[in-house]
Amino acid sequence: MKRLRARADEAMTQGPWSVTFETSPAASGDPHDYFSEGPYWWPDPDNPDGPYIRRDGEINPDGFHVHRQAIGELSNVVRDLSMAAY
């Protein structure tokens, strides 16, 4: 209970989160759209204009990961606060 309470107290200092805080390459151009790229997909060096290729276990550092990280942080905070409230 002490660890949960500490996580909940920390959660109260975090956020807010919004997809509008970071510009994404979403095809729609709408800043309110959540955008996520698969972390294991890379441009094909033999065909740069072609489809991406999967490189299992290797995270593409050039991919857009901001929205996915934010939703993960939000999910953790909601979990901790919900459990502490219960």
PDB file of N, CA and C in Angstrom:
ATOM      1  N   MET A   1       0.824  -1.195   0.000  1.00  0.00           N
ATOM      2  CA  MET A   1       0.000   0.000   0.000  1.00  0.00           C
ATOM      3  C   MET A   1       0.872   1.265   0.000  1.00  0.00           C
ATOM      4  N   LYS A   2       1.994   1.200   0.704  1.00  0.00           N
ATOM      5  CA  LYS A   2       2.871   2.377   0.750  1.00  0.00           C
ATOM      6  C   LYS A   2       3.440   2.691  -0.636  1.00  0.00           C
ATOM      7  N   ARG A   3       3.837   1.631  -1.364  1.00  0.00           N
ATOM      8  CA  ARG A   3       4.375   1.856  -2.707  1.00  0.00           C
ATOM      9  C   ARG A   3       3.299   2.392  -3.643  1.00  0.00           C
ATOM     10  N   LEU A   4       2.095   1.854  -3.523  1.00  0.00           N
ATOM     11  CA  LEU A   4       0.993   2.330  -4.359  1.00  0.00           C
ATOM     12  C   LEU A   4       0.673   3.784  -4.040  1.00  0.00           C
ATOM     13  N   ARG A   5       0.637   4.119  -2.782  1.00  0.00           N
ATOM     14  CA  ARG A   5       0.360   5.503  -2.385  1.00  0.00           C
ATOM     15  C   ARG A   5       1.444   6.452  -2.905  1.00  0.00           C
ATOM     16  N   ALA A   6       2.698   6.016  -2.855  1.00  0.00           N
ATOM     17  CA  ALA A   6       3.802   6.833  -3.370  1.00  0.00           C
ATOM     18  C   ALA A   6       3.668   7.032  -4.880  1.00  0.00           C
ATOM     19  N   ARG A   7       3.296   5.964  -5.616  1.00  0.00           N
ATOM     20  CA  ARG A   7       3.094   6.100  -7.066  1.00  0.00           C
ATOM     21  C   ARG A   7       1.918   7.021  -7.368  1.00  0.00           C
ATOM     22  N   ALA A   8       0.850   6.914  -6.595  1.00  0.00           N
ATOM     23  CA  ALA A   8      -0.314   7.776  -6.804  1.00  0.00           C
ATOM     24  C   ALA A   8       0.023   9.234  -6.493  1.00  0.00           C
ATOM     25  N   ASP A   9       0.773   9.472  -5.451  1.00  0.00           N
ATOM     26  CA  ASP A   9       1.192  10.844  -5.129  1.00  0.00           C
ATOM     27  C   ASP A   9       2.047  11.417  -6.259  1.00  0.00           C
ATOM     28  N   GLU A  10       2.953  10.615  -6.790  1.00  0.00           N
ATOM     29  CA  GLU A  10       3.786  11.052  -7.918  1.00  0.00           C
ATOM     30  C   GLU A  10       2.922  11.297  -9.156  1.00  0.00           C
ATOM     31  N   ALA A  11       1.922  10.444  -9.368  1.00  0.00           N
ATOM     32  CA  ALA A  11       1.047  10.585 -10.529  1.00  0.00           C
ATOM     33  C   ALA A  11       0.302  11.916 -10.519  1.00  0.00           C
ATOM     34  N   MET A  12       0.000  12.413  -9.341  1.00  0.00           N
ATOM     35  CA  MET A  12      -0.717  13.686  -9.240  1.00  0.00           C
ATOM     36  C   MET A  12       0.117  14.870  -9.727  1.00  0.00           C
ATOM     37  N   THR A  13       1.423  14.680  -9.856  1.00  0.00           N
ATOM     38  CA  THR A  13       2.291  15.769 -10.312  1.00  0.00           C
ATOM     39  C   THR A  13       2.578  15.693 -11.807  1.00  0.00           C
ATOM     40  N   GLN A  14       2.059  14.672 -12.480  1.00  0.00           N
ATOM     41  CA  GLN A  14       2.369  14.461 -13.888  1.00  0.00           C
ATOM     42  C   GLN A  14       1.243  14.954 -14.789  1.00  0.00           C
ATOM     43  N   GLY A  15       1.560  15.037 -16.097  1.00  0.00           N
ATOM     44  CA  GLY A  15       0.568  15.454 -17.076  1.00  0.00           C
ATOM     45  C   GLY A  15       0.496  16.957 -17.154  1.00  0.00           C
ATOM     46  N   PRO A  16      -0.389  17.479 -17.917  1.00  0.00           N
ATOM     47  CA  PRO A  16      -1.355  16.792 -18.768  1.00  0.00           C
ATOM     48  C   PRO A  16      -0.693  16.229 -20.023  1.00  0.00           C
ATOM     49  N   TRP A  17      -1.452  15.415 -20.733  1.00  0.00           N
ATOM     50  CA  TRP A  17      -0.986  14.820 -21.974  1.00  0.00           C
ATOM     51  C   TRP A  17      -1.970  15.184 -23.081  1.00  0.00           C
ATOM     52  N   SER A  18      -1.426  15.455 -24.255  1.00  0.00           N
ATOM     53  CA  SER A  18      -2.283  15.759 -25.403  1.00  0.00           C
ATOM     54  C   SER A  18      -1.504  15.495 -26.685  1.00  0.00           C
ATOM     55  N   VAL A  19      -2.182  14.952 -27.678  1.00  0.00           N
ATOM     56  CA  VAL A  19      -1.528  14.738 -28.970  1.00  0.00           C
ATOM     57  C   VAL A  19      -1.223  16.063 -29.655  1.00  0.00           C
ATOM     58  N   THR A  20      -1.838  17.137 -29.197  1.00  0.00           N
ATOM     59  CA  THR A  20      -1.592  18.437 -29.829  1.00  0.00           C
ATOM     60  C   THR A  20      -0.308  19.099 -29.347  1.00  0.00           C
ATOM     61  N   PHE A  21       0.345  18.522 -28.347  1.00  0.00           N
ATOM     62  CA  PHE A  21       1.580  19.114 -27.834  1.00  0.00           C
ATOM     63  C   PHE A  21       2.755  18.926 -28.782  1.00  0.00           C
ATOM     64  N   GLU A  22       2.718  17.900 -29.621  1.00  0.00           N
ATOM     65  CA  GLU A  22       3.787  17.598 -30.563  1.00  0.00           C
ATOM     66  C   GLU A  22       3.197  17.438 -31.960  1.00  0.00           C
ATOM     67  N   THR A  23       3.807  18.051 -32.939  1.00  0.00           N
ATOM     68  CA  THR A  23       3.361  17.920 -34.323  1.00  0.00           C
ATOM     69  C   THR A  23       3.739  16.540 -34.830  1.00  0.00           C
ATOM     70  N   SER A  24       2.777  15.857 -35.407  1.00  0.00           N
ATOM     71  CA  SER A  24       3.026  14.511 -35.918  1.00  0.00           C
ATOM     72  C   SER A  24       2.940  14.498 -37.437  1.00  0.00           C
ATOM     73  N   PRO A  25       3.469  13.450 -38.051  1.00  0.00           N
ATOM     74  CA  PRO A  25       3.358  13.318 -39.504  1.00  0.00           C
ATOM     75  C   PRO A  25       2.057  12.641 -39.942  1.00  0.00           C
ATOM     76  N   ALA A  26       0.984  12.793 -39.171  1.00  0.00           N
ATOM     77  CA  ALA A  26      -0.286  12.160 -39.519  1.00  0.00           C
ATOM     78  C   ALA A  26      -0.735  12.599 -40.904  1.00  0.00           C
ATOM     79  N   ALA A  27      -1.164  11.639 -41.708  1.00  0.00           N
ATOM     80  CA  ALA A  27      -1.570  11.917 -43.086  1.00  0.00           C
ATOM     81  C   ALA A  27      -2.758  12.868 -43.166  1.00  0.00           C
ATOM     82  N   SER A  28      -3.596  12.866 -42.150  1.00  0.00           N
ATOM     83  CA  SER A  28      -4.785  13.712 -42.169  1.00  0.00           C
ATOM     84  C   SER A  28      -4.431  15.188 -42.036  1.00  0.00           C
ATOM     85  N   GLY A  29      -3.288  15.472 -41.407  1.00  0.00           N
ATOM     86  CA  GLY A  29      -2.914  16.855 -41.148  1.00  0.00           C
ATOM     87  C   GLY A  29      -3.640  17.449 -39.951  1.00  0.00           C
ATOM     88  N   ASP A  30      -4.532  16.689 -39.334  1.00  0.00           N
ATOM     89  CA  ASP A  30      -5.285  17.161 -38.174  1.00  0.00           C
ATOM     90  C   ASP A  30      -4.430  17.000 -36.919  1.00  0.00           C
ATOM     91  N   PRO A  31      -4.114  18.088 -36.214  1.00  0.00           N
ATOM     92  CA  PRO A  31      -3.258  17.979 -35.032  1.00  0.00           C
ATOM     93  C   PRO A  31      -3.895  17.197 -33.889  1.00  0.00           C
ATOM     94  N   HIS A  32      -5.194  16.907 -33.971  1.00  0.00           N
ATOM     95  CA  HIS A  32      -5.878  16.173 -32.910  1.00  0.00           C
ATOM     96  C   HIS A  32      -5.834  14.663 -33.123  1.00  0.00           C
ATOM     97  N   ASP A  33      -5.256  14.217 -34.238  1.00  0.00           N
ATOM     98  CA  ASP A  33      -5.187  12.784 -34.522  1.00  0.00           C
ATOM     99  C   ASP A  33      -4.002  12.146 -33.816  1.00  0.00           C
ATOM    100  N   TYR A  34      -4.282  11.045 -33.126  1.00  0.00           N
ATOM    101  CA  TYR A  34      -3.215  10.241 -32.539  1.00  0.00           C
ATOM    102  C   TYR A  34      -2.445   9.585 -33.682  1.00  0.00           C
ATOM    103  N   PHE A  35      -1.129   9.566 -33.587  1.00  0.00           N
ATOM    104  CA  PHE A  35      -0.298   8.970 -34.637  1.00  0.00           C
ATOM    105  C   PHE A  35       0.755   8.083 -34.002  1.00  0.00           C
ATOM    106  N   SER A  36       0.901   6.895 -34.538  1.00  0.00           N
ATOM    107  CA  SER A  36       1.890   5.965 -34.020  1.00  0.00           C
ATOM    108  C   SER A  36       2.475   5.159 -35.171  1.00  0.00           C
ATOM    109  N   GLU A  37       3.778   4.988 -35.149  1.00  0.00           N
ATOM    110  CA  GLU A  37       4.451   4.118 -36.106  1.00  0.00           C
ATOM    111  C   GLU A  37       4.939   2.887 -35.368  1.00  0.00           C
ATOM    112  N   GLY A  38       4.912   1.760 -36.066  1.00  0.00           N
ATOM    113  CA  GLY A  38       5.444   0.547 -35.466  1.00  0.00           C
ATOM    114  C   GLY A  38       6.923   0.717 -35.167  1.00  0.00           C
ATOM    115  N   PRO A  39       7.348   0.416 -33.955  1.00  0.00           N
ATOM    116  CA  PRO A  39       8.736   0.679 -33.569  1.00  0.00           C
ATOM    117  C   PRO A  39       9.763  -0.170 -34.300  1.00  0.00           C
ATOM    118  N   TYR A  40       9.358  -1.313 -34.857  1.00  0.00           N
ATOM    119  CA  TYR A  40      10.310  -2.220 -35.476  1.00  0.00           C
ATOM    120  C   TYR A  40      10.354  -2.110 -36.998  1.00  0.00           C
ATOM    121  N   TRP A  41       9.743  -1.078 -37.546  1.00  0.00           N
ATOM    122  CA  TRP A  41       9.708  -0.912 -39.004  1.00  0.00           C
ATOM    123  C   TRP A  41      10.709   0.148 -39.431  1.00  0.00           C
ATOM    124  N   TRP A  42      11.479  -0.176 -40.467  1.00  0.00           N
ATOM    125  CA  TRP A  42      12.567   0.658 -40.950  1.00  0.00           C
ATOM    126  C   TRP A  42      12.434   0.880 -42.448  1.00  0.00           C
ATOM    127  N   PRO A  43      12.939   1.999 -42.957  1.00  0.00           N
ATOM    128  CA  PRO A  43      12.988   2.174 -44.409  1.00  0.00           C
ATOM    129  C   PRO A  43      13.873   1.087 -45.024  1.00  0.00           C
ATOM    130  N   ASP A  44      13.501   0.626 -46.189  1.00  0.00           N
ATOM    131  CA  ASP A  44      14.274  -0.391 -46.892  1.00  0.00           C
ATOM    132  C   ASP A  44      15.468   0.286 -47.568  1.00  0.00           C
ATOM    133  N   PRO A  45      16.710  -0.030 -47.164  1.00  0.00           N
ATOM    134  CA  PRO A  45      17.870   0.639 -47.756  1.00  0.00           C
ATOM    135  C   PRO A  45      18.022   0.354 -49.246  1.00  0.00           C
ATOM    136  N   ASP A  46      17.488  -0.785 -49.709  1.00  0.00           N
ATOM    137  CA  ASP A  46      17.565  -1.121 -51.129  1.00  0.00           C
ATOM    138  C   ASP A  46      16.466  -0.459 -51.944  1.00  0.00           C
ATOM    139  N   ASN A  47      15.421   0.015 -51.274  1.00  0.00           N
ATOM    140  CA  ASN A  47      14.284   0.644 -51.960  1.00  0.00           C
ATOM    141  C   ASN A  47      13.728   1.745 -51.050  1.00  0.00           C
ATOM    142  N   PRO A  48      14.421   2.896 -50.938  1.00  0.00           N
ATOM    143  CA  PRO A  48      14.020   3.950 -50.001  1.00  0.00           C
ATOM    144  C   PRO A  48      12.607   4.487 -50.209  1.00  0.00           C
ATOM    145  N   ASP A  49      12.087   4.408 -51.416  1.00  0.00           N
ATOM    146  CA  ASP A  49      10.728   4.892 -51.686  1.00  0.00           C
ATOM    147  C   ASP A  49       9.684   3.792 -51.536  1.00  0.00           C
ATOM    148  N   GLY A  50      10.113   2.592 -51.249  1.00  0.00           N
ATOM    149  CA  GLY A  50       9.200   1.457 -51.125  1.00  0.00           C
ATOM    150  C   GLY A  50       8.683   1.286 -49.716  1.00  0.00           C
ATOM    151  N   PRO A  51       8.027   0.173 -49.482  1.00  0.00           N
ATOM    152  CA  PRO A  51       7.476  -0.089 -48.143  1.00  0.00           C
ATOM    153  C   PRO A  51       8.582  -0.349 -47.127  1.00  0.00           C
ATOM    154  N   TYR A  52       8.239  -0.100 -45.883  1.00  0.00           N
ATOM    155  CA  TYR A  52       9.191  -0.342 -44.803  1.00  0.00           C
ATOM    156  C   TYR A  52       9.379  -1.849 -44.618  1.00  0.00           C
ATOM    157  N   ILE A  53      10.483  -2.214 -43.990  1.00  0.00           N
ATOM    158  CA  ILE A  53      10.752  -3.610 -43.673  1.00  0.00           C
ATOM    159  C   ILE A  53      10.842  -3.756 -42.154  1.00  0.00           C
ATOM    160  N   ARG A  54      10.505  -4.946 -41.683  1.00  0.00           N
ATOM    161  CA  ARG A  54      10.508  -5.204 -40.240  1.00  0.00           C
ATOM    162  C   ARG A  54      11.885  -5.708 -39.819  1.00  0.00           C
ATOM    163  N   ARG A  55      12.402  -5.114 -38.766  1.00  0.00           N
ATOM    164  CA  ARG A  55      13.662  -5.556 -38.162  1.00  0.00           C
ATOM    165  C   ARG A  55      13.349  -5.900 -36.714  1.00  0.00           C
ATOM    166  N   ASP A  56      13.014  -7.146 -36.502  1.00  0.00           N
ATOM    167  CA  ASP A  56      12.539  -7.617 -35.210  1.00  0.00           C
ATOM    168  C   ASP A  56      13.544  -7.321 -34.095  1.00  0.00           C
ATOM    169  N   GLY A  57      13.060  -6.691 -33.044  1.00  0.00           N
ATOM    170  CA  GLY A  57      13.885  -6.407 -31.878  1.00  0.00           C
ATOM    171  C   GLY A  57      14.717  -5.142 -31.969  1.00  0.00           C
ATOM    172  N   GLU A  58      14.711  -4.471 -33.127  1.00  0.00           N
ATOM    173  CA  GLU A  58      15.481  -3.239 -33.301  1.00  0.00           C
ATOM    174  C   GLU A  58      14.519  -2.066 -33.438  1.00  0.00           C
ATOM    175  N   ILE A  59      14.508  -1.184 -32.460  1.00  0.00           N
ATOM    176  CA  ILE A  59      13.611  -0.040 -32.486  1.00  0.00           C
ATOM    177  C   ILE A  59      14.206   1.052 -33.364  1.00  0.00           C
ATOM    178  N   ASN A  60      13.404   1.540 -34.294  1.00  0.00           N
ATOM    179  CA  ASN A  60      13.829   2.595 -35.207  1.00  0.00           C
ATOM    180  C   ASN A  60      13.878   3.917 -34.437  1.00  0.00           C
ATOM    181  N   PRO A  61      15.067   4.473 -34.206  1.00  0.00           N
ATOM    182  CA  PRO A  61      15.164   5.716 -33.433  1.00  0.00           C
ATOM    183  C   PRO A  61      14.623   6.929 -34.189  1.00  0.00           C
ATOM    184  N   ASP A  62      14.448   6.804 -35.495  1.00  0.00           N
ATOM    185  CA  ASP A  62      13.926   7.915 -36.281  1.00  0.00           C
ATOM    186  C   ASP A  62      12.403   7.888 -36.394  1.00  0.00           C
ATOM    187  N   GLY A  63      11.771   6.869 -35.842  1.00  0.00           N
ATOM    188  CA  GLY A  63      10.316   6.778 -35.889  1.00  0.00           C
ATOM    189  C   GLY A  63       9.675   7.803 -34.961  1.00  0.00           C
ATOM    190  N   PHE A  64       8.393   8.064 -35.187  1.00  0.00           N
ATOM    191  CA  PHE A  64       7.644   9.002 -34.349  1.00  0.00           C
ATOM    192  C   PHE A  64       7.049   8.216 -33.187  1.00  0.00           C
ATOM    193  N   HIS A  65       7.600   8.424 -31.993  1.00  0.00           N
ATOM    194  CA  HIS A  65       7.181   7.655 -30.822  1.00  0.00           C
ATOM    195  C   HIS A  65       6.544   8.520 -29.738  1.00  0.00           C
ATOM    196  N   VAL A  66       6.412   9.809 -29.972  1.00  0.00           N
ATOM    197  CA  VAL A  66       5.971  10.740 -28.934  1.00  0.00           C
ATOM    198  C   VAL A  66       4.558  10.435 -28.443  1.00  0.00           C
ATOM    199  N   HIS A  67       3.622  10.226 -29.364  1.00  0.00           N
ATOM    200  CA  HIS A  67       2.240   9.981 -28.934  1.00  0.00           C
ATOM    201  C   HIS A  67       2.119   8.652 -28.196  1.00  0.00           C
ATOM    202  N   ARG A  68       2.830   7.625 -28.662  1.00  0.00           N
ATOM    203  CA  ARG A  68       2.768   6.323 -28.002  1.00  0.00           C
ATOM    204  C   ARG A  68       3.344   6.403 -26.595  1.00  0.00           C
ATOM    205  N   GLN A  69       4.420   7.154 -26.425  1.00  0.00           N
ATOM    206  CA  GLN A  69       4.997   7.316 -25.088  1.00  0.00           C
ATOM    207  C   GLN A  69       4.044   8.066 -24.170  1.00  0.00           C
ATOM    208  N   ALA A  70       3.390   9.097 -24.701  1.00  0.00           N
ATOM    209  CA  ALA A  70       2.455   9.876 -23.887  1.00  0.00           C
ATOM    210  C   ALA A  70       1.259   9.035 -23.456  1.00  0.00           C
ATOM    211  N   ILE A  71       0.718   8.222 -24.367  1.00  0.00           N
ATOM    212  CA  ILE A  71      -0.444   7.399 -23.997  1.00  0.00           C
ATOM    213  C   ILE A  71      -0.025   6.328 -22.987  1.00  0.00           C
ATOM    214  N   GLY A  72       1.220   5.857 -23.076  1.00  0.00           N
ATOM    215  CA  GLY A  72       1.718   4.905 -22.084  1.00  0.00           C
ATOM    216  C   GLY A  72       1.836   5.534 -20.710  1.00  0.00           C
ATOM    217  N   GLU A  73       2.361   6.753 -20.656  1.00  0.00           N
ATOM    218  CA  GLU A  73       2.469   7.460 -19.377  1.00  0.00           C
ATOM    219  C   GLU A  73       1.086   7.725 -18.791  1.00  0.00           C
ATOM    220  N   LEU A  74       0.157   8.181 -19.628  1.00  0.00           N
ATOM    221  CA  LEU A  74      -1.210   8.436 -19.172  1.00  0.00           C
ATOM    222  C   LEU A  74      -1.841   7.155 -18.632  1.00  0.00           C
ATOM    223  N   SER A  75      -1.651   6.050 -19.334  1.00  0.00           N
ATOM    224  CA  SER A  75      -2.218   4.770 -18.891  1.00  0.00           C
ATOM    225  C   SER A  75      -1.670   4.364 -17.532  1.00  0.00           C
ATOM    226  N   ASN A  76      -0.378   4.545 -17.321  1.00  0.00           N
ATOM    227  CA  ASN A  76       0.219   4.196 -16.028  1.00  0.00           C
ATOM    228  C   ASN A  76      -0.327   5.064 -14.903  1.00  0.00           C
ATOM    229  N   VAL A  77      -0.500   6.343 -15.164  1.00  0.00           N
ATOM    230  CA  VAL A  77      -1.034   7.259 -14.154  1.00  0.00           C
ATOM    231  C   VAL A  77      -2.482   6.904 -13.817  1.00  0.00           C
ATOM    232  N   VAL A  78      -3.285   6.625 -14.831  1.00  0.00           N
ATOM    233  CA  VAL A  78      -4.692   6.264 -14.600  1.00  0.00           C
ATOM    234  C   VAL A  78      -4.754   4.970 -13.771  1.00  0.00           C
ATOM    235  N   ARG A  79      -3.913   4.001 -14.111  1.00  0.00           N
ATOM    236  CA  ARG A  79      -3.882   2.746 -13.356  1.00  0.00           C
ATOM    237  C   ARG A  79      -3.545   3.000 -11.890  1.00  0.00           C
ATOM    238  N   ASP A  80      -2.476   3.749 -11.658  1.00  0.00           N
ATOM    239  CA  ASP A  80      -2.035   3.989 -10.281  1.00  0.00           C
ATOM    240  C   ASP A  80      -3.084   4.764  -9.481  1.00  0.00           C
ATOM    241  N   LEU A  81      -3.655   5.794 -10.079  1.00  0.00           N
ATOM    242  CA  LEU A  81      -4.668   6.574  -9.365  1.00  0.00           C
ATOM    243  C   LEU A  81      -5.940   5.766  -9.122  1.00  0.00           C
ATOM    244  N   SER A  82      -6.325   4.941 -10.097  1.00  0.00           N
ATOM    245  CA  SER A  82      -7.522   4.105  -9.928  1.00  0.00           C
ATOM    246  C   SER A  82      -7.329   3.095  -8.809  1.00  0.00           C
ATOM    247  N   MET A  83      -6.176   2.452  -8.813  1.00  0.00           N
ATOM    248  CA  MET A  83      -5.922   1.455  -7.770  1.00  0.00           C
ATOM    249  C   MET A  83      -5.837   2.112  -6.397  1.00  0.00           C
ATOM    250  N   ALA A  84      -5.228   3.284  -6.316  1.00  0.00           N
ATOM    251  CA  ALA A  84      -5.119   3.969  -5.027  1.00  0.00           C
ATOM    252  C   ALA A  84      -6.496   4.413  -4.548  1.00  0.00           C
ATOM    253  N   ALA A  85      -7.343   4.859  -5.455  1.00  0.00           N
ATOM    254  CA  ALA A  85      -8.680   5.296  -5.055  1.00  0.00           C
ATOM    255  C   ALA A  85      -9.517   4.112  -4.576  1.00  0.00           C
ATOM    256  N   TYR A  86      -9.337   2.973  -5.209  1.00  0.00           N
ATOM    257  CA  TYR A  86     -10.096   1.788  -4.812  1.00  0.00           C
ATOM    258  C   TYR A  86      -9.719   1.368  -3.403  1.00  0.00           C
TER     259      TYR A  86
END
